[in-house]
Structures are given as structure tokens and as C-alpha cells.
Amino acid sequence: MPTIPNKPVFILGNPRSGTSLLRLMVSSHSKISIPPESGFLVWWYAKYKGWTKADSANEAKVNAYITDLKTSKKIETWNLDYAKIKESMKDNLPATYAELSSLVYAAYALGRNKNISIWGDKNNYYIAHLKEVAEIYPDAYFIHIVRDGRDVACSYLNIATLDTASPYKPKLPDEIVHIAQEWSDNNLKIHHFLKQLNPAQSLQIKYEDLIETPEHGLQAICKFLHLPYEETMMNFHQTEKEPEAFIDWKKKTAEKPDPTNKNIYLSFLPQEDIALFNKTASEVLNLYGYSV
């Protein structure tokens, strides 16, 4: 297994803001791999944060880690070869938790026959654990995607009525005030977190810009990650897809970006709900240039 740099890219954003779409777009680059969401990185940090090179040479500790890793929620969607991960641990002897975790992401890329320069992660769960993520990978890149909160509210309400057999259906607020507050809180958490970093570590994009001019957005991301842009990224929907367990609420990720998928709240939400959302979330709507 090739050595993987310990400088990943994390996609951050409120749920239903285009984070999955962006994951698939960026993952379509030949040198980037971003698996489906699984929060194993943070879940096992407290237990294994003191990982050393000696631990990597200790079969009992390696086996314990692999056993725990296998129980991580949603990790089954990665189709990992755990025997190869153990072999990689033996060959590379990761000396830190960051290096140990990188090998797992590398195993996912290898399973898809990709020789990558950058791996990444996308999980809305990390919004509550940004401090831990930064502790593990202090030099990581972060891309924050923002979507108009009122359109996010429409998506939340659609999810609430979604009929699916998947055990992973998102559990989201279904009242306008609670949706507005969550959207505001999550984006402010990300905003304040990124302000503490070196400016070269973060990039902010708007969902509306991404679906209107996707090539421009992808070019900006490649420049941010110091990689050449690849025109094939525009055909991400032909090469990348979400796991079947998630597709019921992510069907649009299998299509080309739809530039009309914005301002849908104007015809979906009652005027009183729009006014209530605007009142609750005015500060953050203004922060990101959405008219109130």
C-alpha cells in the first residue's frame, strides 16, 4: 500500500447543503479519494489517541483496533479489506493516531484502484467535533459549503415524510424555528472554527454557485488543493455514487447539478414560515449574502 500524506481535506456543511454532491464531485478527481460518511475518525480518537509505533508492532493492539474499526457505524459501505489494513499497519508502522487513520482512508482508495495524493472525509457529525478533527490533523484543508437555509428547510421537511427502509435515514428537525436555529448554529460553528485557522487551510463555496457554474467551483477547489483541474470531474455522476443505503434521500447526487434547484422555498414554504425563518436566522443569512 502506498504511503498516504497526513494532510487531508474535510468537507464541512450543514445537513442538506450539498456536502454529498461535493464529495462525489471532488472524489471524481484521479488523485483524490473521499469515502462515504463514517465517523470512525472521531469515535475511536479517545481510545487510540496515544497510538505509537510500538502499538503498530503489537499484534494484540492491532487486532483490538481492527475489531473496533469493524463496528464503526456505516463503515460497511466502504467495503474495506481488513486483512490488507493489518498488512499495511505491519509494513508502515504508523506512529500516531493520524497516521493510523490515514491507512484506513488509504485502504478505501486502494480498494477502488486509485493512486491518490489527497484523501478526504465528509460527515456532518464533525460539526460538533471540529476541535478533535483539528487536533488529529492540524494541517488539514477544510471546504465549507453553504446553502440558503430556507432551501435547506424545504429539504428537511421532505426528509421528514420520506418513506425508506434504510436504518440511516437522517433524524432532522421538522419545525421551522428549530430548523432555522440548527442551520444558524451549525454554520456559525464552522465559521468561527475556520477563522482560527491559517487562511490557506480553508475555502468557502456556496451551493448555489456550485450548481450554476460547477466547473468554476471545481477549478477553485483544485487550485486550493494544489492539484491540476481535470475536465472529467464534470462527469462525476457517471463514475461516483452514494451507497445504496443512503440513496433514497440523495437521488440528486446521481444527476448533473441542477441550476434550478435554488430558491425553491419561495414556492414551497408558506409566507409565515419564510418570515419565521428569516427572523430566527437573519444574522447568518446576512453573513452569507442571502437576502432577508
C-alpha atoms as a PDB file:
ATOM      1  CA  MET A   1       0.000   0.000   0.000  1.00  0.00           C
ATOM      2  CA  PRO A   2       1.471   3.382  -0.970  1.00  0.00           C
ATOM      3  CA  THR A   3       2.277   5.968   1.665  1.00  0.00           C
ATOM      4  CA  ILE A   4      -0.551   8.487   2.075  1.00  0.00           C
ATOM      5  CA  PRO A   5       0.060  12.118   3.135  1.00  0.00           C
ATOM      6  CA  ASN A   6      -1.366  13.081   6.521  1.00  0.00           C
ATOM      7  CA  LYS A   7      -2.839  16.309   5.143  1.00  0.00           C
ATOM      8  CA  PRO A   8      -6.436  15.509   4.205  1.00  0.00           C
ATOM      9  CA  VAL A   9      -9.370  17.651   3.117  1.00  0.00           C
ATOM     10  CA  PHE A  10     -12.571  17.783   5.163  1.00  0.00           C
ATOM     11  CA  ILE A  11     -15.882  18.868   3.636  1.00  0.00           C
ATOM     12  CA  LEU A  12     -17.999  20.737   6.181  1.00  0.00           C
ATOM     13  CA  GLY A  13     -21.567  21.929   5.937  1.00  0.00           C
ATOM     14  CA  ASN A  14     -24.999  21.810   7.474  1.00  0.00           C
ATOM     15  CA  PRO A  15     -27.017  18.715   6.521  1.00  0.00           C
ATOM     16  CA  ARG A  16     -28.821  19.006   3.159  1.00  0.00           C
ATOM     17  CA  SER A  17     -26.405  21.692   1.962  1.00  0.00           C
ATOM     18  CA  GLY A  18     -24.735  19.778  -0.872  1.00  0.00           C
ATOM     19  CA  THR A  19     -21.943  18.114   1.078  1.00  0.00           C
ATOM     20  CA  SER A  20     -22.620  14.723  -0.534  1.00  0.00           C
ATOM     21  CA  LEU A  21     -22.776  16.258  -4.007  1.00  0.00           C
ATOM     22  CA  LEU A  22     -19.468  17.983  -3.353  1.00  0.00           C
ATOM     23  CA  ARG A  23     -17.922  14.761  -2.035  1.00  0.00           C
ATOM     24  CA  LEU A  24     -18.750  12.944  -5.250  1.00  0.00           C
ATOM     25  CA  MET A  25     -17.532  15.817  -7.407  1.00  0.00           C
ATOM     26  CA  VAL A  26     -14.185  16.075  -5.645  1.00  0.00           C
ATOM     27  CA  SER A  27     -13.781  12.289  -5.401  1.00  0.00           C
ATOM     28  CA  SER A  28     -14.031  12.054  -9.180  1.00  0.00           C
ATOM     29  CA  HIS A  29     -10.540  13.576  -9.383  1.00  0.00           C
ATOM     30  CA  SER A  30      -7.992  10.859 -10.128  1.00  0.00           C
ATOM     31  CA  LYS A  31      -5.767  11.949  -7.225  1.00  0.00           C
ATOM     32  CA  ILE A  32      -8.433  12.426  -4.537  1.00  0.00           C
ATOM     33  CA  SER A  33     -10.457   9.887  -2.573  1.00  0.00           C
ATOM     34  CA  ILE A  34     -13.284  10.768  -0.189  1.00  0.00           C
ATOM     35  CA  PRO A  35     -15.258   7.775   1.143  1.00  0.00           C
ATOM     36  CA  PRO A  36     -18.932   7.762   2.098  1.00  0.00           C
ATOM     37  CA  GLU A  37     -19.546   9.123   5.583  1.00  0.00           C
ATOM     38  CA  SER A  38     -18.456   7.210   8.670  1.00  0.00           C
ATOM     39  CA  GLY A  39     -17.302   8.965  11.806  1.00  0.00           C
ATOM     40  CA  PHE A  40     -14.756   6.361  12.892  1.00  0.00           C
ATOM     41  CA  LEU A  41     -12.017   9.007  12.944  1.00  0.00           C
ATOM     42  CA  VAL A  42     -13.603  10.808  15.897  1.00  0.00           C
ATOM     43  CA  TRP A  43     -15.322   7.807  17.512  1.00  0.00           C
ATOM     44  CA  TRP A  44     -12.060   5.977  18.227  1.00  0.00           C
ATOM     45  CA  TYR A  45      -9.905   9.017  18.938  1.00  0.00           C
ATOM     46  CA  ALA A  46     -10.291   8.950  22.733  1.00  0.00           C
ATOM     47  CA  LYS A  47      -9.382   5.260  22.897  1.00  0.00           C
ATOM     48  CA  TYR A  48      -6.469   5.278  20.461  1.00  0.00           C
ATOM     49  CA  LYS A  49      -5.190   8.874  20.512  1.00  0.00           C
ATOM     50  CA  GLY A  50      -1.963   7.753  22.183  1.00  0.00           C
ATOM     51  CA  TRP A  51      -1.126   5.302  19.395  1.00  0.00           C
ATOM     52  CA  THR A  52       2.606   4.699  18.897  1.00  0.00           C
ATOM     53  CA  LYS A  53       4.885   2.832  16.546  1.00  0.00           C
ATOM     54  CA  ALA A  54       5.235   0.156  19.217  1.00  0.00           C
ATOM     55  CA  ASP A  55       1.459  -0.325  19.168  1.00  0.00           C
ATOM     56  CA  SER A  56       1.629  -0.948  15.434  1.00  0.00           C
ATOM     57  CA  ALA A  57       4.057  -3.782  16.101  1.00  0.00           C
ATOM     58  CA  ASN A  58       1.857  -5.236  18.851  1.00  0.00           C
ATOM     59  CA  GLU A  59      -0.461  -7.846  17.346  1.00  0.00           C
ATOM     60  CA  ALA A  60      -2.936  -7.715  20.215  1.00  0.00           C
ATOM     61  CA  LYS A  61      -3.343  -3.940  19.911  1.00  0.00           C
ATOM     62  CA  VAL A  62      -3.594  -4.128  16.141  1.00  0.00           C
ATOM     63  CA  ASN A  63      -6.303  -6.770  16.408  1.00  0.00           C
ATOM     64  CA  ALA A  64      -8.179  -4.718  19.001  1.00  0.00           C
ATOM     65  CA  TYR A  65      -8.141  -1.684  16.736  1.00  0.00           C
ATOM     66  CA  ILE A  66      -9.326  -3.656  13.709  1.00  0.00           C
ATOM     67  CA  THR A  67     -12.127  -5.194  15.786  1.00  0.00           C
ATOM     68  CA  ASP A  68     -13.291  -1.759  16.890  1.00  0.00           C
ATOM     69  CA  LEU A  69     -12.954  -0.314  13.398  1.00  0.00           C
ATOM     70  CA  LYS A  70     -15.254  -3.010  12.010  1.00  0.00           C
ATOM     71  CA  THR A  71     -18.022  -1.927  14.402  1.00  0.00           C
ATOM     72  CA  SER A  72     -17.958   1.697  13.243  1.00  0.00           C
ATOM     73  CA  LYS A  73     -21.343   2.892  12.005  1.00  0.00           C
ATOM     74  CA  LYS A  74     -21.616   2.924   8.192  1.00  0.00           C
ATOM     75  CA  ILE A  75     -18.071   1.586   7.715  1.00  0.00           C
ATOM     76  CA  GLU A  76     -19.605  -1.410   5.933  1.00  0.00           C
ATOM     77  CA  THR A  77     -20.327   0.894   2.979  1.00  0.00           C
ATOM     78  CA  TRP A  78     -16.568   1.246   2.433  1.00  0.00           C
ATOM     79  CA  ASN A  79     -16.083  -2.450   1.582  1.00  0.00           C
ATOM     80  CA  LEU A  80     -12.691  -2.484   3.299  1.00  0.00           C
ATOM     81  CA  ASP A  81     -10.213  -5.342   3.150  1.00  0.00           C
ATOM     82  CA  TYR A  82      -9.237  -5.551   6.825  1.00  0.00           C
ATOM     83  CA  ALA A  83      -6.516  -8.105   6.163  1.00  0.00           C
ATOM     84  CA  LYS A  84      -4.803  -5.595   3.888  1.00  0.00           C
ATOM     85  CA  ILE A  85      -5.173  -2.867   6.506  1.00  0.00           C
ATOM     86  CA  LYS A  86      -3.412  -5.092   9.037  1.00  0.00           C
ATOM     87  CA  GLU A  87      -0.711  -5.822   6.494  1.00  0.00           C
ATOM     88  CA  SER A  88      -0.308  -2.107   5.834  1.00  0.00           C
ATOM     89  CA  MET A  89      -0.015  -1.413   9.563  1.00  0.00           C
ATOM     90  CA  LYS A  90       2.737  -4.007   9.753  1.00  0.00           C
ATOM     91  CA  ASP A  91       4.572  -2.566   6.747  1.00  0.00           C
ATOM     92  CA  ASN A  92       4.194   1.142   7.605  1.00  0.00           C
ATOM     93  CA  LEU A  93       4.173   1.012  11.432  1.00  0.00           C
ATOM     94  CA  PRO A  94       2.089   4.180  11.933  1.00  0.00           C
ATOM     95  CA  ALA A  95       3.464   6.127  14.875  1.00  0.00           C
ATOM     96  CA  THR A  96       0.459   8.354  15.610  1.00  0.00           C
ATOM     97  CA  TYR A  97      -3.324   8.133  15.544  1.00  0.00           C
ATOM     98  CA  ALA A  98      -3.305  10.388  12.484  1.00  0.00           C
ATOM     99  CA  GLU A  99      -1.012   8.025  10.599  1.00  0.00           C
ATOM    100  CA  LEU A 100      -3.082   5.038  11.734  1.00  0.00           C
ATOM    101  CA  SER A 101      -6.316   6.626  10.498  1.00  0.00           C
ATOM    102  CA  SER A 102      -4.729   7.645   7.215  1.00  0.00           C
ATOM    103  CA  LEU A 103      -4.072   3.994   6.445  1.00  0.00           C
ATOM    104  CA  VAL A 104      -7.797   3.276   6.703  1.00  0.00           C
ATOM    105  CA  TYR A 105      -8.622   6.018   4.199  1.00  0.00           C
ATOM    106  CA  ALA A 106      -5.778   4.741   2.010  1.00  0.00           C
ATOM    107  CA  ALA A 107      -7.269   1.251   2.113  1.00  0.00           C
ATOM    108  CA  TYR A 108     -10.563   2.616   0.790  1.00  0.00           C
ATOM    109  CA  ALA A 109      -8.760   4.330  -2.094  1.00  0.00           C
ATOM    110  CA  LEU A 110      -6.722   1.220  -2.839  1.00  0.00           C
ATOM    111  CA  GLY A 111      -9.906  -0.842  -2.933  1.00  0.00           C
ATOM    112  CA  ARG A 112     -11.064   1.432  -5.751  1.00  0.00           C
ATOM    113  CA  ASN A 113      -7.730   1.141  -7.573  1.00  0.00           C
ATOM    114  CA  LYS A 114      -6.852   4.796  -7.015  1.00  0.00           C
ATOM    115  CA  ASN A 115      -3.301   6.058  -6.564  1.00  0.00           C
ATOM    116  CA  ILE A 116      -4.060   9.268  -4.693  1.00  0.00           C
ATOM    117  CA  SER A 117      -2.275  12.367  -3.462  1.00  0.00           C
ATOM    118  CA  ILE A 118      -5.025  13.518  -1.091  1.00  0.00           C
ATOM    119  CA  TRP A 119      -7.728  11.713   0.833  1.00  0.00           C
ATOM    120  CA  GLY A 120     -10.674  13.365   2.468  1.00  0.00           C
ATOM    121  CA  ASP A 121     -13.735  12.963   4.662  1.00  0.00           C
ATOM    122  CA  LYS A 122     -17.290  14.284   4.723  1.00  0.00           C
ATOM    123  CA  ASN A 123     -19.545  13.993   7.735  1.00  0.00           C
ATOM    124  CA  ASN A 124     -21.999  16.490   9.223  1.00  0.00           C
ATOM    125  CA  TYR A 125     -21.311  14.788  12.559  1.00  0.00           C
ATOM    126  CA  TYR A 126     -17.926  16.525  12.637  1.00  0.00           C
ATOM    127  CA  ILE A 127     -19.556  19.917  13.162  1.00  0.00           C
ATOM    128  CA  ALA A 128     -19.783  19.022  16.845  1.00  0.00           C
ATOM    129  CA  HIS A 129     -16.214  17.699  16.890  1.00  0.00           C
ATOM    130  CA  LEU A 130     -14.157  20.224  14.938  1.00  0.00           C
ATOM    131  CA  LYS A 131     -11.682  20.579  17.787  1.00  0.00           C
ATOM    132  CA  GLU A 132     -10.887  16.855  17.717  1.00  0.00           C
ATOM    133  CA  VAL A 133     -10.540  16.804  13.938  1.00  0.00           C
ATOM    134  CA  ALA A 134      -8.086  19.710  14.089  1.00  0.00           C
ATOM    135  CA  GLU A 135      -6.137  18.032  16.887  1.00  0.00           C
ATOM    136  CA  ILE A 136      -5.712  14.901  14.799  1.00  0.00           C
ATOM    137  CA  TYR A 137      -4.847  16.715  11.566  1.00  0.00           C
ATOM    138  CA  PRO A 138      -3.752  20.279  12.412  1.00  0.00           C
ATOM    139  CA  ASP A 139      -2.632  20.978   8.834  1.00  0.00           C
ATOM    140  CA  ALA A 140      -5.760  19.664   7.126  1.00  0.00           C
ATOM    141  CA  TYR A 141      -7.669  21.505   4.428  1.00  0.00           C
ATOM    142  CA  PHE A 142     -11.325  22.402   5.031  1.00  0.00           C
ATOM    143  CA  ILE A 143     -14.009  23.210   2.457  1.00  0.00           C
ATOM    144  CA  HIS A 144     -17.173  24.812   3.854  1.00  0.00           C
ATOM    145  CA  ILE A 145     -20.203  24.598   1.595  1.00  0.00           C
ATOM    146  CA  VAL A 146     -23.125  26.878   2.473  1.00  0.00           C
ATOM    147  CA  ARG A 147     -26.690  26.664   1.140  1.00  0.00           C
ATOM    148  CA  ASP A 148     -29.586  29.062   1.655  1.00  0.00           C
ATOM    149  CA  GLY A 149     -31.124  27.901   4.918  1.00  0.00           C
ATOM    150  CA  ARG A 150     -34.670  28.271   3.650  1.00  0.00           C
ATOM    151  CA  ASP A 151     -33.972  25.777   0.865  1.00  0.00           C
ATOM    152  CA  VAL A 152     -32.324  23.571   3.473  1.00  0.00           C
ATOM    153  CA  ALA A 153     -35.573  23.779   5.441  1.00  0.00           C
ATOM    154  CA  CYS A 154     -37.508  22.510   2.419  1.00  0.00           C
ATOM    155  CA  SER A 155     -35.168  19.538   2.217  1.00  0.00           C
ATOM    156  CA  TYR A 156     -35.524  18.838   5.941  1.00  0.00           C
ATOM    157  CA  LEU A 157     -39.308  18.812   5.598  1.00  0.00           C
ATOM    158  CA  ASN A 158     -39.135  16.470   2.613  1.00  0.00           C
ATOM    159  CA  ILE A 159     -36.922  14.090   4.573  1.00  0.00           C
ATOM    160  CA  ALA A 160     -39.471  14.039   7.387  1.00  0.00           C
ATOM    161  CA  THR A 161     -42.055  12.500   5.044  1.00  0.00           C
ATOM    162  CA  LEU A 162     -39.629  10.195   3.228  1.00  0.00           C
ATOM    163  CA  ASP A 163     -40.603   6.520   3.203  1.00  0.00           C
ATOM    164  CA  THR A 164     -37.443   4.427   3.296  1.00  0.00           C
ATOM    165  CA  ALA A 165     -36.314   1.108   4.712  1.00  0.00           C
ATOM    166  CA  SER A 166     -32.795   2.383   5.348  1.00  0.00           C
ATOM    167  CA  PRO A 167     -31.717   2.449   9.017  1.00  0.00           C
ATOM    168  CA  TYR A 168     -29.650   5.544   8.207  1.00  0.00           C
ATOM    169  CA  LYS A 169     -32.475   7.951   7.380  1.00  0.00           C
ATOM    170  CA  PRO A 170     -31.370  11.327   8.808  1.00  0.00           C
ATOM    171  CA  LYS A 171     -33.032  12.462  12.024  1.00  0.00           C
ATOM    172  CA  LEU A 172     -33.605  16.166  11.466  1.00  0.00           C
ATOM    173  CA  PRO A 173     -35.825  18.868  12.999  1.00  0.00           C
ATOM    174  CA  ASP A 174     -39.201  19.297  11.294  1.00  0.00           C
ATOM    175  CA  GLU A 175     -40.310  22.645  12.727  1.00  0.00           C
ATOM    176  CA  ILE A 176     -39.227  25.867  11.017  1.00  0.00           C
ATOM    177  CA  VAL A 177     -37.833  27.587  14.114  1.00  0.00           C
ATOM    178  CA  HIS A 178     -35.789  24.539  15.081  1.00  0.00           C
ATOM    179  CA  ILE A 179     -34.510  24.095  11.521  1.00  0.00           C
ATOM    180  CA  ALA A 180     -33.531  27.754  11.316  1.00  0.00           C
ATOM    181  CA  GLN A 181     -31.755  27.609  14.652  1.00  0.00           C
ATOM    182  CA  GLU A 182     -29.854  24.443  13.750  1.00  0.00           C
ATOM    183  CA  TRP A 183     -28.814  25.854  10.378  1.00  0.00           C
ATOM    184  CA  SER A 184     -27.609  29.064  12.039  1.00  0.00           C
ATOM    185  CA  ASP A 185     -25.771  27.314  14.859  1.00  0.00           C
ATOM    186  CA  ASN A 186     -24.025  24.813  12.592  1.00  0.00           C
ATOM    187  CA  ASN A 187     -22.812  27.385  10.089  1.00  0.00           C
ATOM    188  CA  LEU A 188     -21.627  29.713  12.842  1.00  0.00           C
ATOM    189  CA  LYS A 189     -19.695  26.866  14.483  1.00  0.00           C
ATOM    190  CA  ILE A 190     -17.933  26.181  11.212  1.00  0.00           C
ATOM    191  CA  HIS A 191     -17.409  29.893  10.539  1.00  0.00           C
ATOM    192  CA  HIS A 192     -15.769  30.550  13.914  1.00  0.00           C
ATOM    193  CA  PHE A 193     -13.676  27.376  13.666  1.00  0.00           C
ATOM    194  CA  LEU A 194     -12.282  28.287  10.248  1.00  0.00           C
ATOM    195  CA  LYS A 195     -11.451  31.832  11.363  1.00  0.00           C
ATOM    196  CA  GLN A 196      -8.964  30.352  13.824  1.00  0.00           C
ATOM    197  CA  LEU A 197      -7.033  28.537  11.094  1.00  0.00           C
ATOM    198  CA  ASN A 198      -4.442  29.676   8.627  1.00  0.00           C
ATOM    199  CA  PRO A 199      -6.458  31.218   5.753  1.00  0.00           C
ATOM    200  CA  ALA A 200      -4.672  28.888   3.333  1.00  0.00           C
ATOM    201  CA  GLN A 201      -6.351  25.924   5.030  1.00  0.00           C
ATOM    202  CA  SER A 202      -9.948  26.797   4.258  1.00  0.00           C
ATOM    203  CA  LEU A 203     -12.183  27.514   1.295  1.00  0.00           C
ATOM    204  CA  GLN A 204     -15.827  28.578   1.357  1.00  0.00           C
ATOM    205  CA  ILE A 205     -18.186  27.900  -1.517  1.00  0.00           C
ATOM    206  CA  LYS A 206     -21.909  28.402  -1.944  1.00  0.00           C
ATOM    207  CA  TYR A 207     -24.144  25.579  -3.069  1.00  0.00           C
ATOM    208  CA  GLU A 208     -25.947  27.907  -5.454  1.00  0.00           C
ATOM    209  CA  ASP A 209     -22.682  28.799  -7.212  1.00  0.00           C
ATOM    210  CA  LEU A 210     -21.692  25.141  -7.397  1.00  0.00           C
ATOM    211  CA  ILE A 211     -24.856  24.070  -9.208  1.00  0.00           C
ATOM    212  CA  GLU A 212     -24.873  27.106 -11.514  1.00  0.00           C
ATOM    213  CA  THR A 213     -21.212  27.060 -12.531  1.00  0.00           C
ATOM    214  CA  PRO A 214     -19.830  23.697 -11.331  1.00  0.00           C
ATOM    215  CA  GLU A 215     -16.707  23.842 -13.473  1.00  0.00           C
ATOM    216  CA  HIS A 216     -15.694  27.156 -11.934  1.00  0.00           C
ATOM    217  CA  GLY A 217     -16.213  25.762  -8.429  1.00  0.00           C
ATOM    218  CA  LEU A 218     -14.242  22.599  -9.138  1.00  0.00           C
ATOM    219  CA  GLN A 219     -11.390  24.596 -10.642  1.00  0.00           C
ATOM    220  CA  ALA A 220     -11.249  26.715  -7.480  1.00  0.00           C
ATOM    221  CA  ILE A 221     -11.171  23.587  -5.321  1.00  0.00           C
ATOM    222  CA  CYS A 222      -8.361  22.027  -7.343  1.00  0.00           C
ATOM    223  CA  LYS A 223      -6.354  25.247  -7.081  1.00  0.00           C
ATOM    224  CA  PHE A 224      -6.994  25.304  -3.330  1.00  0.00           C
ATOM    225  CA  LEU A 225      -5.705  21.717  -3.029  1.00  0.00           C
ATOM    226  CA  HIS A 226      -2.722  22.390  -5.326  1.00  0.00           C
ATOM    227  CA  LEU A 227      -3.838  19.845  -7.887  1.00  0.00           C
ATOM    228  CA  PRO A 228      -4.487  20.280 -11.611  1.00  0.00           C
ATOM    229  CA  TYR A 229      -8.120  20.509 -12.626  1.00  0.00           C
ATOM    230  CA  GLU A 230      -9.471  17.511 -14.536  1.00  0.00           C
ATOM    231  CA  GLU A 231     -12.306  18.035 -17.022  1.00  0.00           C
ATOM    232  CA  THR A 232     -13.596  14.541 -16.237  1.00  0.00           C
ATOM    233  CA  MET A 233     -14.739  15.892 -12.865  1.00  0.00           C
ATOM    234  CA  MET A 234     -17.769  17.349 -14.627  1.00  0.00           C
ATOM    235  CA  ASN A 235     -18.906  13.782 -15.311  1.00  0.00           C
ATOM    236  CA  PHE A 236     -18.778  12.750 -11.645  1.00  0.00           C
ATOM    237  CA  HIS A 237     -22.339  11.376 -11.808  1.00  0.00           C
ATOM    238  CA  GLN A 238     -21.145   8.710 -14.259  1.00  0.00           C
ATOM    239  CA  THR A 239     -18.260   7.461 -12.107  1.00  0.00           C
ATOM    240  CA  GLU A 240     -19.153   8.196  -8.469  1.00  0.00           C
ATOM    241  CA  LYS A 241     -22.215   7.261  -6.449  1.00  0.00           C
ATOM    242  CA  GLU A 242     -23.568   7.169  -2.933  1.00  0.00           C
ATOM    243  CA  PRO A 243     -24.080   3.774  -1.232  1.00  0.00           C
ATOM    244  CA  GLU A 244     -27.488   2.178  -1.753  1.00  0.00           C
ATOM    245  CA  ALA A 245     -28.215   2.600   1.971  1.00  0.00           C
ATOM    246  CA  PHE A 246     -28.158   6.407   1.525  1.00  0.00           C
ATOM    247  CA  ILE A 247     -29.544   6.889  -1.979  1.00  0.00           C
ATOM    248  CA  ASP A 248     -33.229   7.302  -1.026  1.00  0.00           C
ATOM    249  CA  TRP A 249     -32.531  10.850   0.194  1.00  0.00           C
ATOM    250  CA  LYS A 250     -29.568  11.567  -2.088  1.00  0.00           C
ATOM    251  CA  LYS A 251     -31.023  10.807  -5.511  1.00  0.00           C
ATOM    252  CA  LYS A 252     -29.903  14.132  -6.980  1.00  0.00           C
ATOM    253  CA  THR A 253     -26.261  13.160  -6.466  1.00  0.00           C
ATOM    254  CA  ALA A 254     -26.686  10.696  -9.347  1.00  0.00           C
ATOM    255  CA  GLU A 255     -27.509  13.530 -11.749  1.00  0.00           C
ATOM    256  CA  LYS A 256     -25.773  16.541 -13.206  1.00  0.00           C
ATOM    257  CA  PRO A 257     -26.048  19.630 -10.963  1.00  0.00           C
ATOM    258  CA  ASP A 258     -29.433  21.273 -11.437  1.00  0.00           C
ATOM    259  CA  PRO A 259     -29.077  25.085 -11.587  1.00  0.00           C
ATOM    260  CA  THR A 260     -32.802  25.479 -10.904  1.00  0.00           C
ATOM    261  CA  ASN A 261     -32.500  23.798  -7.507  1.00  0.00           C
ATOM    262  CA  LYS A 262     -32.356  27.077  -5.634  1.00  0.00           C
ATOM    263  CA  ASN A 263     -34.896  29.473  -4.156  1.00  0.00           C
ATOM    264  CA  ILE A 264     -37.296  26.543  -4.021  1.00  0.00           C
ATOM    265  CA  TYR A 265     -38.542  27.834  -0.681  1.00  0.00           C
ATOM    266  CA  LEU A 266     -40.394  30.647  -2.475  1.00  0.00           C
ATOM    267  CA  SER A 267     -42.906  28.160  -3.871  1.00  0.00           C
ATOM    268  CA  PHE A 268     -42.636  25.519  -1.130  1.00  0.00           C
ATOM    269  CA  LEU A 269     -42.819  27.344   2.191  1.00  0.00           C
ATOM    270  CA  PRO A 270     -45.791  29.395   3.399  1.00  0.00           C
ATOM    271  CA  GLN A 271     -45.019  33.105   3.782  1.00  0.00           C
ATOM    272  CA  GLU A 272     -45.368  32.876   7.552  1.00  0.00           C
ATOM    273  CA  ASP A 273     -42.713  30.138   7.655  1.00  0.00           C
ATOM    274  CA  ILE A 274     -40.365  32.183   5.489  1.00  0.00           C
ATOM    275  CA  ALA A 275     -40.825  35.167   7.795  1.00  0.00           C
ATOM    276  CA  LEU A 276     -40.224  32.996  10.845  1.00  0.00           C
ATOM    277  CA  PHE A 277     -37.054  31.511   9.363  1.00  0.00           C
ATOM    278  CA  ASN A 278     -35.800  34.972   8.392  1.00  0.00           C
ATOM    279  CA  LYS A 279     -36.411  36.285  11.904  1.00  0.00           C
ATOM    280  CA  THR A 280     -34.661  33.338  13.544  1.00  0.00           C
ATOM    281  CA  ALA A 281     -31.678  33.147  11.202  1.00  0.00           C
ATOM    282  CA  SER A 282     -31.268  36.714   9.935  1.00  0.00           C
ATOM    283  CA  GLU A 283     -27.718  37.086  11.269  1.00  0.00           C
ATOM    284  CA  VAL A 284     -26.383  34.060   9.404  1.00  0.00           C
ATOM    285  CA  LEU A 285     -28.470  34.653   6.269  1.00  0.00           C
ATOM    286  CA  ASN A 286     -26.889  38.113   6.073  1.00  0.00           C
ATOM    287  CA  LEU A 287     -23.438  36.719   6.869  1.00  0.00           C
ATOM    288  CA  TYR A 288     -23.534  34.575   3.751  1.00  0.00           C
ATOM    289  CA  GLY A 289     -25.267  37.082   1.493  1.00  0.00           C
ATOM    290  CA  TYR A 290     -28.776  35.632   1.414  1.00  0.00           C
ATOM    291  CA  SER A 291     -31.468  38.294   1.187  1.00  0.00           C
ATOM    292  CA  VAL A 292     -33.901  38.562   4.077  1.00  0.00           C
END
